Amino acid sequence: MKEILTALMLWLSANTPFQAHSELPKVVFLPIETMEQMFYGDNEYEPDQLHGMYNKDIDTIYLPDDWNRNSAWDMGVLVHEMVHYLQDQNEMKFNCSNEMEKMAWPIQQFYLKKVHDYDWDYDQLWFLVISNCNEPYNF
């Protein structure tokens, strides 16, 4: 995993505005049920929506235990979480954690296309909702 993280760190520093750091994030593989419990707690949620997460307090990326380095999508998920790690390491400030997604989704999409020729056309309206601090139903 160290080699994958190093290669992705170099790619991100060459293709994004982030400054690369010599320290790599810790990566922990967990059953998806454990990740969902950590992320959602007792709140209701849609299954199969969580693909990875980053804990900035301990510089740790969590991936499902079935994560596969040979899968373009799974590599894109790791890139997405590394964007959050680099946002944290570069001390970027956000009004809320949702705003962190404004960079992560497009960078993940760019990586998937550029490196894997994988087209990920996410829903722009959904992206707008989940990457802003406003409550989506608070008009």
C-alpha atoms as a PDB file:
ATOM      1  CA  MET A   1       0.000   0.000   0.000  1.00  0.00           C
ATOM      2  CA  LYS A   2       2.910   2.369   0.675  1.00  0.00           C
ATOM      3  CA  GLU A   3       3.887   2.292  -3.010  1.00  0.00           C
ATOM      4  CA  ILE A   4       0.302   3.008  -4.140  1.00  0.00           C
ATOM      5  CA  LEU A   5      -0.018   5.911  -1.708  1.00  0.00           C
ATOM      6  CA  THR A   6       3.330   7.341  -2.808  1.00  0.00           C
ATOM      7  CA  ALA A   7       2.385   7.121  -6.497  1.00  0.00           C
ATOM      8  CA  LEU A   8      -0.998   8.745  -5.860  1.00  0.00           C
ATOM      9  CA  MET A   9       0.601  11.463  -3.735  1.00  0.00           C
ATOM     10  CA  LEU A  10       2.955  12.278  -6.628  1.00  0.00           C
ATOM     11  CA  TRP A  11       0.066  12.247  -9.118  1.00  0.00           C
ATOM     12  CA  LEU A  12      -2.017  14.539  -6.916  1.00  0.00           C
ATOM     13  CA  SER A  13       0.842  16.979  -6.389  1.00  0.00           C
ATOM     14  CA  ALA A  14       1.464  17.116 -10.154  1.00  0.00           C
ATOM     15  CA  ASN A  15      -2.208  17.447 -11.159  1.00  0.00           C
ATOM     16  CA  THR A  16      -3.785  19.520  -8.387  1.00  0.00           C
ATOM     17  CA  PRO A  17      -2.871  22.640  -6.395  1.00  0.00           C
ATOM     18  CA  PHE A  18      -1.912  20.538  -3.364  1.00  0.00           C
ATOM     19  CA  GLN A  19       1.547  20.513  -1.847  1.00  0.00           C
ATOM     20  CA  ALA A  20       2.625  16.917  -1.302  1.00  0.00           C
ATOM     21  CA  HIS A  21       3.911  15.961   2.108  1.00  0.00           C
ATOM     22  CA  SER A  22       6.435  13.276   2.910  1.00  0.00           C
ATOM     23  CA  GLU A  23       4.162  11.594   5.435  1.00  0.00           C
ATOM     24  CA  LEU A  24       1.574   9.246   4.047  1.00  0.00           C
ATOM     25  CA  PRO A  25      -1.836   8.736   5.598  1.00  0.00           C
ATOM     26  CA  LYS A  26      -2.563   5.582   7.483  1.00  0.00           C
ATOM     27  CA  VAL A  27      -5.002   3.289   5.648  1.00  0.00           C
ATOM     28  CA  VAL A  28      -7.251   0.902   7.540  1.00  0.00           C
ATOM     29  CA  PHE A  29      -9.456  -1.738   5.906  1.00  0.00           C
ATOM     30  CA  LEU A  30     -12.719  -2.511   7.678  1.00  0.00           C
ATOM     31  CA  PRO A  31     -15.963  -4.362   6.962  1.00  0.00           C
ATOM     32  CA  ILE A  32     -18.396  -1.941   5.313  1.00  0.00           C
ATOM     33  CA  GLU A  33     -20.860  -2.453   8.178  1.00  0.00           C
ATOM     34  CA  THR A  34     -18.249  -1.171  10.636  1.00  0.00           C
ATOM     35  CA  MET A  35     -17.507   1.840   8.425  1.00  0.00           C
ATOM     36  CA  GLU A  36     -21.224   2.646   8.124  1.00  0.00           C
ATOM     37  CA  GLN A  37     -21.622   2.490  11.906  1.00  0.00           C
ATOM     38  CA  MET A  38     -18.614   4.806  12.362  1.00  0.00           C
ATOM     39  CA  PHE A  39     -19.868   7.281   9.743  1.00  0.00           C
ATOM     40  CA  TYR A  40     -23.634   7.271  10.263  1.00  0.00           C
ATOM     41  CA  GLY A  41     -23.947   6.186  13.887  1.00  0.00           C
ATOM     42  CA  ASP A  42     -27.612   5.642  14.709  1.00  0.00           C
ATOM     43  CA  ASN A  43     -28.846   7.915  11.885  1.00  0.00           C
ATOM     44  CA  GLU A  44     -30.807   6.494   8.966  1.00  0.00           C
ATOM     45  CA  TYR A  45     -28.886   6.015   5.735  1.00  0.00           C
ATOM     46  CA  GLU A  46     -29.033   4.400   2.317  1.00  0.00           C
ATOM     47  CA  PRO A  47     -26.894   1.252   2.124  1.00  0.00           C
ATOM     48  CA  ASP A  48     -24.074   1.077  -0.449  1.00  0.00           C
ATOM     49  CA  GLN A  49     -23.490   4.848  -0.438  1.00  0.00           C
ATOM     50  CA  LEU A  50     -20.280   4.881   1.627  1.00  0.00           C
ATOM     51  CA  HIS A  51     -17.145   3.905  -0.288  1.00  0.00           C
ATOM     52  CA  GLY A  52     -14.435   5.326   1.954  1.00  0.00           C
ATOM     53  CA  MET A  53     -13.819   7.987   4.585  1.00  0.00           C
ATOM     54  CA  TYR A  54     -11.077  10.071   6.113  1.00  0.00           C
ATOM     55  CA  ASN A  55     -10.582  10.900   9.796  1.00  0.00           C
ATOM     56  CA  LYS A  56      -8.597  14.131  10.023  1.00  0.00           C
ATOM     57  CA  ASP A  57      -8.040  13.764  13.767  1.00  0.00           C
ATOM     58  CA  ILE A  58      -5.826  10.722  13.246  1.00  0.00           C
ATOM     59  CA  ASP A  59      -4.819  11.158   9.554  1.00  0.00           C
ATOM     60  CA  THR A  60      -6.453   7.856   8.665  1.00  0.00           C
ATOM     61  CA  ILE A  61      -8.246   6.741   5.515  1.00  0.00           C
ATOM     62  CA  TYR A  62     -10.802   3.966   5.943  1.00  0.00           C
ATOM     63  CA  LEU A  63     -11.592   1.678   3.030  1.00  0.00           C
ATOM     64  CA  PRO A  64     -13.868  -1.366   2.835  1.00  0.00           C
ATOM     65  CA  ASP A  65     -12.092  -4.655   3.350  1.00  0.00           C
ATOM     66  CA  ASP A  66     -13.068  -5.708  -0.181  1.00  0.00           C
ATOM     67  CA  TRP A  67     -11.214  -2.715  -1.701  1.00  0.00           C
ATOM     68  CA  ASN A  68      -9.263  -3.846  -4.779  1.00  0.00           C
ATOM     69  CA  ARG A  69      -6.192  -2.057  -6.152  1.00  0.00           C
ATOM     70  CA  ASN A  70      -6.954  -3.496  -9.606  1.00  0.00           C
ATOM     71  CA  SER A  71     -10.338  -1.757  -9.730  1.00  0.00           C
ATOM     72  CA  ALA A  72     -10.359   1.693 -11.331  1.00  0.00           C
ATOM     73  CA  TRP A  73     -13.324   2.709  -9.161  1.00  0.00           C
ATOM     74  CA  ASP A  74     -11.627   1.595  -5.942  1.00  0.00           C
ATOM     75  CA  MET A  75      -8.473   3.492  -6.879  1.00  0.00           C
ATOM     76  CA  GLY A  76     -10.652   6.548  -7.526  1.00  0.00           C
ATOM     77  CA  VAL A  77     -12.137   6.193  -4.043  1.00  0.00           C
ATOM     78  CA  LEU A  78      -8.630   6.166  -2.580  1.00  0.00           C
ATOM     79  CA  VAL A  79      -7.752   9.297  -4.594  1.00  0.00           C
ATOM     80  CA  HIS A  80     -10.920  10.962  -3.261  1.00  0.00           C
ATOM     81  CA  GLU A  81      -9.941  10.200   0.338  1.00  0.00           C
ATOM     82  CA  MET A  82      -6.358  11.313  -0.306  1.00  0.00           C
ATOM     83  CA  VAL A  83      -7.752  14.657  -1.508  1.00  0.00           C
ATOM     84  CA  HIS A  84      -9.337  15.035   1.935  1.00  0.00           C
ATOM     85  CA  TYR A  85      -6.036  14.084   3.554  1.00  0.00           C
ATOM     86  CA  LEU A  86      -4.203  16.724   1.488  1.00  0.00           C
ATOM     87  CA  GLN A  87      -6.870  19.335   2.203  1.00  0.00           C
ATOM     88  CA  ASP A  88      -6.210  18.663   5.874  1.00  0.00           C
ATOM     89  CA  GLN A  89      -2.407  18.617   5.528  1.00  0.00           C
ATOM     90  CA  ASN A  90      -2.460  21.853   3.506  1.00  0.00           C
ATOM     91  CA  GLU A  91      -4.574  23.396   6.298  1.00  0.00           C
ATOM     92  CA  MET A  92      -7.405  24.388   3.995  1.00  0.00           C
ATOM     93  CA  LYS A  93     -10.332  25.988   5.804  1.00  0.00           C
ATOM     94  CA  PHE A  94     -13.966  25.115   5.137  1.00  0.00           C
ATOM     95  CA  ASN A  95     -17.240  26.415   6.544  1.00  0.00           C
ATOM     96  CA  CYS A  96     -18.397  22.805   6.935  1.00  0.00           C
ATOM     97  CA  SER A  97     -17.105  19.358   6.043  1.00  0.00           C
ATOM     98  CA  ASN A  98     -19.460  19.175   3.027  1.00  0.00           C
ATOM     99  CA  GLU A  99     -17.436  21.900   1.302  1.00  0.00           C
ATOM    100  CA  MET A 100     -14.463  19.531   1.174  1.00  0.00           C
ATOM    101  CA  GLU A 101     -16.335  17.598  -1.521  1.00  0.00           C
ATOM    102  CA  LYS A 102     -16.168  20.554  -3.952  1.00  0.00           C
ATOM    103  CA  MET A 103     -12.607  19.521  -4.809  1.00  0.00           C
ATOM    104  CA  ALA A 104     -12.715  15.799  -4.079  1.00  0.00           C
ATOM    105  CA  TRP A 105     -15.420  14.764  -6.563  1.00  0.00           C
ATOM    106  CA  PRO A 106     -14.017  16.615  -9.613  1.00  0.00           C
ATOM    107  CA  ILE A 107     -10.466  15.458  -8.846  1.00  0.00           C
ATOM    108  CA  GLN A 108     -11.693  11.870  -8.504  1.00  0.00           C
ATOM    109  CA  GLN A 109     -13.526  12.205 -11.827  1.00  0.00           C
ATOM    110  CA  PHE A 110     -10.426  13.687 -13.514  1.00  0.00           C
ATOM    111  CA  TYR A 111      -8.204  10.914 -12.114  1.00  0.00           C
ATOM    112  CA  LEU A 112     -10.560   8.159 -13.258  1.00  0.00           C
ATOM    113  CA  LYS A 113     -10.691   9.531 -16.806  1.00  0.00           C
ATOM    114  CA  LYS A 114      -7.029  10.507 -17.138  1.00  0.00           C
ATOM    115  CA  VAL A 115      -5.480   7.411 -15.570  1.00  0.00           C
ATOM    116  CA  HIS A 116      -8.060   4.672 -16.178  1.00  0.00           C
ATOM    117  CA  ASP A 117     -10.137   6.029 -19.085  1.00  0.00           C
ATOM    118  CA  TYR A 118     -13.141   5.490 -16.797  1.00  0.00           C
ATOM    119  CA  ASP A 119     -16.123   7.789 -17.293  1.00  0.00           C
ATOM    120  CA  TRP A 120     -17.773   8.800 -14.041  1.00  0.00           C
ATOM    121  CA  ASP A 121     -20.613  11.180 -14.766  1.00  0.00           C
ATOM    122  CA  TYR A 122     -21.974  11.994 -11.339  1.00  0.00           C
ATOM    123  CA  ASP A 123     -25.252  13.847 -10.876  1.00  0.00           C
ATOM    124  CA  GLN A 124     -24.413  17.578 -10.822  1.00  0.00           C
ATOM    125  CA  LEU A 125     -27.510  18.492  -8.812  1.00  0.00           C
ATOM    126  CA  TRP A 126     -26.696  15.902  -6.153  1.00  0.00           C
ATOM    127  CA  PHE A 127     -23.101  17.158  -6.101  1.00  0.00           C
ATOM    128  CA  LEU A 128     -24.359  20.717  -5.536  1.00  0.00           C
ATOM    129  CA  VAL A 129     -26.514  19.557  -2.632  1.00  0.00           C
ATOM    130  CA  ILE A 130     -23.849  17.510  -0.868  1.00  0.00           C
ATOM    131  CA  SER A 131     -20.971  19.959  -1.355  1.00  0.00           C
ATOM    132  CA  ASN A 132     -22.602  22.961   0.335  1.00  0.00           C
ATOM    133  CA  CYS A 133     -23.246  23.816   3.965  1.00  0.00           C
ATOM    134  CA  ASN A 134     -26.924  24.689   3.567  1.00  0.00           C
ATOM    135  CA  GLU A 135     -29.535  22.193   4.602  1.00  0.00           C
ATOM    136  CA  PRO A 136     -30.958  20.870   1.298  1.00  0.00           C
ATOM    137  CA  TYR A 137     -34.573  21.231   2.406  1.00  0.00           C
ATOM    138  CA  ASN A 138     -34.248  24.554   4.229  1.00  0.00           C
ATOM    139  CA  PHE A 139     -35.673  27.158   1.845  1.00  0.00           C
END
